[in-house]
Protein backbone atom coordinates (compact mmCIF):
# COMPACT_ATOMS: atom_id res chain seq x y z
CA UNK A 1 6.74 145.59 53.44
CA UNK A 2 8.03 143.43 50.55
CA UNK A 3 5.62 141.15 48.79
CA UNK A 4 6.68 137.45 48.98
CA UNK A 5 5.88 136.76 45.33
CA UNK A 6 7.99 139.73 44.22
CA UNK A 7 10.95 138.43 46.27
CA UNK A 8 10.73 135.02 44.59
CA UNK A 9 10.68 136.61 41.14
CA UNK A 10 13.82 138.61 42.01
CA UNK A 11 15.61 135.48 43.23
CA UNK A 12 14.80 133.64 40.00
CA UNK A 13 16.33 136.48 37.98
CA UNK A 14 19.48 136.64 40.15
CA UNK A 15 21.58 133.94 38.33
CA UNK A 16 20.86 135.58 34.96
CA UNK A 17 21.89 138.96 36.37
CA UNK A 18 25.15 137.53 37.75
CA UNK A 19 25.99 135.89 34.44
CA UNK A 20 25.34 139.15 32.58
CA UNK A 21 27.43 141.13 35.06
CA UNK A 22 30.32 138.67 34.85
CA UNK A 23 30.73 139.59 31.20
CA UNK A 24 32.00 143.00 32.27
CA UNK A 25 34.57 141.76 34.81
CA UNK A 26 38.07 142.27 33.34
CA UNK A 27 40.12 139.02 33.18
CA UNK A 28 43.92 138.84 32.79
CA UNK A 29 45.12 135.88 30.74
CA UNK A 30 47.79 134.96 28.21
CA UNK A 31 47.34 132.77 25.15
CA UNK A 32 50.42 130.98 23.83
CA UNK A 33 50.59 130.60 20.06
CA UNK A 34 49.80 127.10 18.78
CA UNK A 35 51.38 126.32 15.45
CA UNK A 36 51.59 123.34 13.13
CA UNK A 37 55.23 122.45 12.57
CA UNK A 38 56.68 122.27 9.04
CA UNK A 39 56.70 118.75 7.60
CA UNK A 40 60.00 117.85 5.93
CA UNK A 41 60.10 116.16 2.54
CA UNK A 42 62.45 113.50 3.90
CA UNK A 43 64.13 112.38 7.10
CA UNK A 44 67.21 110.30 7.88
CA UNK A 45 67.46 107.28 10.14
CA UNK A 46 70.53 105.05 10.46
CA UNK A 47 71.93 106.49 7.21
CA UNK A 48 68.71 105.60 5.39
CA UNK A 49 66.76 108.35 3.63
CA UNK A 50 63.03 108.10 4.25
CA UNK A 51 60.76 110.05 1.91
CA UNK A 52 57.70 111.70 3.45
CA UNK A 53 56.18 112.83 0.17
CA UNK A 54 53.59 110.06 0.04
CA UNK A 55 50.38 111.20 1.76
CA UNK A 56 50.31 108.50 4.46
CA UNK A 57 54.01 108.86 5.32
CA UNK A 58 53.57 112.63 5.63
CA UNK A 59 50.45 112.44 7.80
CA UNK A 60 51.72 109.70 10.11
CA UNK A 61 54.99 111.55 10.66
CA UNK A 62 53.14 114.81 11.30
CA UNK A 63 51.00 113.19 14.00
CA UNK A 64 54.08 112.08 15.95
CA UNK A 65 55.93 115.39 15.71
CA UNK A 66 52.86 117.25 16.96
CA UNK A 67 52.57 114.89 19.95
CA UNK A 68 56.27 115.31 20.73
CA UNK A 69 56.18 119.10 20.41
CA UNK A 70 53.13 119.62 22.63
CA UNK A 71 53.62 116.86 25.20
CA UNK A 72 55.88 119.22 27.11
CA UNK A 73 56.22 117.46 30.45
CA UNK A 74 57.30 114.14 28.95
CA UNK A 75 59.59 115.61 26.32
CA UNK A 76 61.38 117.92 28.75
CA UNK A 77 62.12 115.04 31.11
CA UNK A 78 63.37 112.93 28.19
CA UNK A 79 65.82 115.67 27.23
CA UNK A 80 67.12 116.07 30.77
CA UNK A 81 67.60 112.33 31.23
CA UNK A 82 69.25 112.01 27.82
CA UNK A 83 71.89 114.51 28.91
CA UNK A 84 73.03 111.98 31.52
CA UNK A 85 72.38 108.71 29.69
CA UNK A 86 73.35 109.32 26.06
CA UNK A 87 77.06 109.64 26.99
CA UNK A 88 76.80 106.09 28.41
CA UNK A 89 74.67 104.57 25.64
CA UNK A 90 76.36 106.04 22.57
CA UNK A 91 79.84 104.47 23.00
CA UNK A 92 78.27 101.03 23.54
CA UNK A 93 76.25 101.31 20.33
CA UNK A 94 79.35 102.44 18.44
CA UNK A 95 81.50 99.64 19.83
CA UNK A 96 78.90 97.11 18.65
CA UNK A 97 78.53 98.61 15.17
CA UNK A 98 74.95 99.75 15.82
CA UNK A 99 73.85 103.09 14.27
CA UNK A 100 73.85 105.92 16.79
CA UNK A 101 70.18 106.64 15.99
CA UNK A 102 69.17 103.49 17.87
CA UNK A 103 69.59 105.38 21.14
CA UNK A 104 66.19 106.89 20.39
CA UNK A 105 64.61 103.46 20.77
CA UNK A 106 65.49 103.64 24.47
CA UNK A 107 63.71 107.01 24.69
CA UNK A 108 60.54 105.54 23.17
CA UNK A 109 60.72 102.32 25.16
CA UNK A 110 61.20 103.75 28.65
CA UNK A 111 61.31 107.56 28.50
CA UNK A 112 64.91 106.89 29.68
CA UNK A 113 63.57 105.88 33.09
CA UNK A 114 66.03 103.35 34.54
CA UNK A 115 63.27 101.96 36.79
CA UNK A 116 60.68 101.53 34.04
CA UNK A 117 58.62 98.35 34.06
CA UNK A 118 55.59 97.58 31.91
CA UNK A 119 52.44 95.66 32.71
CA UNK A 120 53.89 92.80 30.65
CA UNK A 121 57.01 92.85 32.90
CA UNK A 122 59.37 94.34 30.32
CA UNK A 123 61.97 96.23 32.33
CA UNK A 124 64.72 98.82 32.22
CA UNK A 125 65.79 101.40 29.65
CA UNK A 126 65.36 98.94 26.79
CA UNK A 127 62.20 97.28 28.15
CA UNK A 128 63.53 93.75 27.81
CA UNK A 129 61.32 90.82 28.70
CA UNK A 130 62.79 88.36 31.26
CA UNK A 131 63.43 85.57 28.73
CA UNK A 132 64.84 88.00 26.17
CA UNK A 133 67.24 89.40 28.75
CA UNK A 134 68.42 85.92 29.68
CA UNK A 135 68.69 84.94 26.01
CA UNK A 136 71.17 87.78 25.49
CA UNK A 137 73.28 87.08 28.56
CA UNK A 138 71.65 89.01 31.39
CA UNK A 139 71.11 87.70 34.90
CA UNK A 140 67.43 87.96 35.77
CA UNK A 141 66.20 86.75 39.15
CA UNK A 142 64.68 88.02 42.40
CA UNK A 143 67.99 89.41 43.70
CA UNK A 144 69.72 90.65 40.55
CA UNK A 145 67.99 91.87 37.41
CA UNK A 146 70.49 93.19 34.90
CA UNK A 147 67.74 94.47 32.63
CA UNK A 148 67.96 97.51 34.92
CA UNK A 149 71.75 97.75 34.49
CA UNK A 150 72.37 100.57 32.00
CA UNK A 151 75.53 99.24 30.38
CA UNK A 152 74.71 95.52 30.44
CA UNK A 153 71.15 96.02 29.17
CA UNK A 154 72.47 98.21 26.34
CA UNK A 155 74.90 95.44 25.39
CA UNK A 156 71.99 92.98 25.36
CA UNK A 157 69.93 95.29 23.17
CA UNK A 158 72.88 95.55 20.77
CA UNK A 159 73.01 91.75 20.56
CA UNK A 160 69.35 91.77 19.54
CA UNK A 161 69.94 94.50 16.94
CA UNK A 162 72.83 92.58 15.37
CA UNK A 163 70.80 89.38 15.27
CA UNK A 164 67.86 91.16 13.62
CA UNK A 165 70.11 92.94 11.12
CA UNK A 166 71.64 89.64 10.05
CA UNK A 167 68.10 88.57 9.24
CA UNK A 168 66.66 91.70 7.58
CA UNK A 169 69.68 93.70 6.32
CA UNK A 170 67.64 96.85 6.96
CA UNK A 171 67.92 99.02 10.07
CA UNK A 172 64.36 100.42 10.03
CA UNK A 173 63.00 96.88 9.84
CA UNK A 174 65.28 95.97 12.75
CA UNK A 175 63.76 98.85 14.74
CA UNK A 176 60.21 97.71 13.90
CA UNK A 177 61.08 94.16 14.96
CA UNK A 178 62.29 95.44 18.33
CA UNK A 179 58.74 96.52 19.03
CA UNK A 180 56.76 93.75 17.32
CA UNK A 181 59.22 90.87 17.46
CA UNK A 182 61.05 89.22 14.59
CA UNK A 183 58.43 86.50 14.26
CA UNK A 184 55.63 89.00 13.70
CA UNK A 185 57.60 91.10 11.22
CA UNK A 186 58.74 88.08 9.20
CA UNK A 187 55.20 86.70 9.15
CA UNK A 188 53.78 90.01 7.88
CA UNK A 189 56.51 90.31 5.26
CA UNK A 190 55.40 86.98 3.84
CA UNK A 191 51.67 87.67 4.06
CA UNK A 192 51.80 91.22 2.69
CA UNK A 193 54.59 90.61 0.18
CA UNK A 194 56.58 93.70 1.23
CA UNK A 195 60.03 94.03 2.81
CA UNK A 196 59.99 97.58 4.18
CA UNK A 197 58.26 97.98 7.55
CA UNK A 198 56.95 101.40 6.44
CA UNK A 199 54.85 99.63 3.81
CA UNK A 200 53.31 97.06 6.16
CA UNK A 201 49.92 97.20 7.82
CA UNK A 202 50.79 96.47 11.45
CA UNK A 203 49.10 96.96 14.80
CA UNK A 204 48.67 100.54 15.98
CA UNK A 205 51.64 100.54 18.36
CA UNK A 206 54.15 99.18 15.84
CA UNK A 207 52.75 101.33 13.02
CA UNK A 208 53.44 104.42 15.11
CA UNK A 209 56.81 103.18 16.37
CA UNK A 210 58.94 104.05 13.36
CA UNK A 211 57.33 107.46 12.90
CA UNK A 212 57.79 108.26 16.58
CA UNK A 213 61.40 107.25 16.14
CA UNK A 214 62.24 109.55 13.23
CA UNK A 215 60.22 112.44 14.67
CA UNK A 216 61.94 112.05 18.04
CA UNK A 217 65.32 112.07 16.35
CA UNK A 218 64.55 115.41 14.65
CA UNK A 219 63.37 116.83 17.97
CA UNK A 220 66.50 115.77 19.83
CA UNK A 221 68.73 117.12 17.09
CA UNK A 222 67.22 120.60 17.47
CA UNK A 223 64.63 121.15 20.25
CA UNK A 224 64.74 124.89 19.60
CA UNK A 225 63.09 124.33 16.21
CA UNK A 226 60.18 122.79 18.14
CA UNK A 227 59.89 125.87 20.37
CA UNK A 228 61.84 124.54 23.36
CA UNK A 229 64.15 126.94 25.22
CA UNK A 230 66.38 125.44 27.93
CA UNK A 231 69.25 126.95 29.88
CA UNK A 232 72.31 125.15 31.22
CA UNK A 233 70.99 125.08 34.79
CA UNK A 234 67.76 123.43 33.65
CA UNK A 235 69.66 120.18 33.19
CA UNK A 236 70.76 117.69 35.85
CA UNK A 237 74.36 117.60 36.99
CA UNK A 238 76.75 114.72 36.64
CA UNK A 239 77.10 112.53 39.74
CA UNK A 240 80.53 110.95 39.87
CA UNK A 241 80.80 107.35 41.03
CA UNK A 242 83.42 104.84 42.11
CA UNK A 243 83.21 101.06 41.82
CA UNK A 244 83.42 98.58 44.67
CA UNK A 245 83.64 94.88 43.84
CA UNK A 246 81.47 92.43 45.74
CA UNK A 247 82.18 88.72 45.32
CA UNK A 248 80.49 87.32 48.41
CA UNK A 249 77.04 87.29 49.98
CA UNK A 250 75.52 90.43 51.48
CA UNK A 251 73.05 89.81 54.27
CA UNK A 252 71.63 93.35 54.29
CA UNK A 253 72.27 96.07 51.72
CA UNK A 254 71.19 98.76 54.21
CA UNK A 255 74.02 97.87 56.59
CA UNK A 256 76.43 97.46 53.69
CA UNK A 257 75.61 100.94 52.34
CA UNK A 258 75.96 102.49 55.79
CA UNK A 259 79.63 101.48 55.85
CA UNK A 260 80.14 103.91 52.98
CA UNK A 261 78.02 106.65 54.50
CA UNK A 262 75.08 106.02 52.17
CA UNK A 263 71.44 105.24 52.76
CA UNK A 264 69.78 102.18 51.23
CA UNK A 265 67.83 104.54 48.95
CA UNK A 266 71.02 106.22 47.71
CA UNK A 267 72.67 102.86 47.05
CA UNK A 268 69.67 101.65 45.03
CA UNK A 269 69.48 104.91 43.09
CA UNK A 270 72.80 104.06 41.43
CA UNK A 271 72.35 100.30 41.38
CA UNK A 272 68.73 99.78 40.32
CA UNK A 273 69.57 96.25 39.18
CA UNK A 274 69.88 95.15 42.84
CA UNK A 275 66.33 93.93 43.38
CA UNK A 276 66.39 92.53 46.92
CA UNK A 277 67.60 93.67 50.33
CA UNK A 278 70.21 90.90 50.31
CA UNK A 279 72.52 89.02 47.96
CA UNK A 280 72.97 85.28 48.52
CA UNK A 281 75.57 84.84 45.74
CA UNK A 282 76.34 81.12 46.28
CA UNK A 283 78.74 81.00 43.32
CA UNK A 284 80.82 83.96 44.53
CA UNK A 285 80.08 85.90 41.35
CA UNK A 286 81.76 89.30 41.04
CA UNK A 287 79.49 92.33 40.97
CA UNK A 288 80.55 95.95 40.56
CA UNK A 289 78.59 98.27 42.85
CA UNK A 290 78.53 101.99 42.05
CA UNK A 291 79.05 104.37 44.96
CA UNK A 292 78.10 108.01 44.31
CA UNK A 293 80.35 110.87 45.35
CA UNK A 294 78.54 112.59 48.20
CA UNK A 295 80.18 115.89 47.25
CA UNK A 296 77.97 115.88 44.13
CA UNK A 297 74.70 115.51 46.04
CA UNK A 298 74.25 119.29 46.26
CA UNK A 299 73.37 120.90 42.94
CA UNK A 300 76.16 122.93 41.38
CA UNK A 301 75.64 124.31 37.89
CA UNK A 302 79.38 124.02 37.19
CA UNK A 303 78.91 120.23 37.35
CA UNK A 304 76.32 120.31 34.56
CA UNK A 305 77.80 119.06 31.31
CA UNK A 306 75.70 119.62 28.20
CA UNK A 307 75.95 116.62 25.91
CA UNK A 308 74.58 118.38 22.83
CA UNK A 309 75.05 122.17 22.43
CA UNK A 310 71.83 122.30 20.38
CA UNK A 311 69.88 121.49 23.54
CA UNK A 312 70.52 124.85 25.21
CA UNK A 313 69.99 128.48 24.36
CA UNK A 314 73.43 130.06 24.11
């Protein structure tokens, strides 16, 4: 018959025994290599050469490229969305005389999420505030919010960029002002007696903004150099659309969409700027509604167009 005290001693030793035994249990696992990426001596943004030789420029740039390289979920989605949206954004920037590199501001601002809205109520790809959107010609109300309209919001952003460039004559300072506001940048220029935004002491978000911008540009130019390996069928296919003009009121967008064989959700997916279930439209304003081709709803890799060949493994 077992002695009670001996049993209790055995039980107390049991966890230690299990821990010791677990050391001999074979475990299958794989460790991915983690590397620090090379830091370039200089980078280019909007035809401006930016030296990274100074210690602070080098370290601040390095921080952003590490975050981009290892924040896989966010960066992969940005690439996939860019494949659809850059072909829309780039011609608008070019037509307005804005450097092509400014498309990366939209990536930073919204992760290229057409539905993005911040806690401060900045909305759309370019994260425009309501008053800013209206200032640059956008309709912003409870029924229609053109900050969510890809083309119109990009035109509004271009208007801001041109206005800021007329003031600063420097594209990197224009980019910094898009985050901080022209008033803040001008005030700090005066107080700190410097012109270049890279030389200013600014709040944490704006200080990171320009370095995120140039690091993101290098990533998008060659994701493979950052260790990313994507195939053609990893990207999203093109969805063709046709335009229907509406110049009257719409009592219910669900019923309106049904006439074209679409659900309310499908209609809104391609017209995010429609913010209500109805459209009063007392002034008979003309709106162009995008209707998606239902034949493109089913994924077909042959419909995937790669915007930048450097984004895929050949």
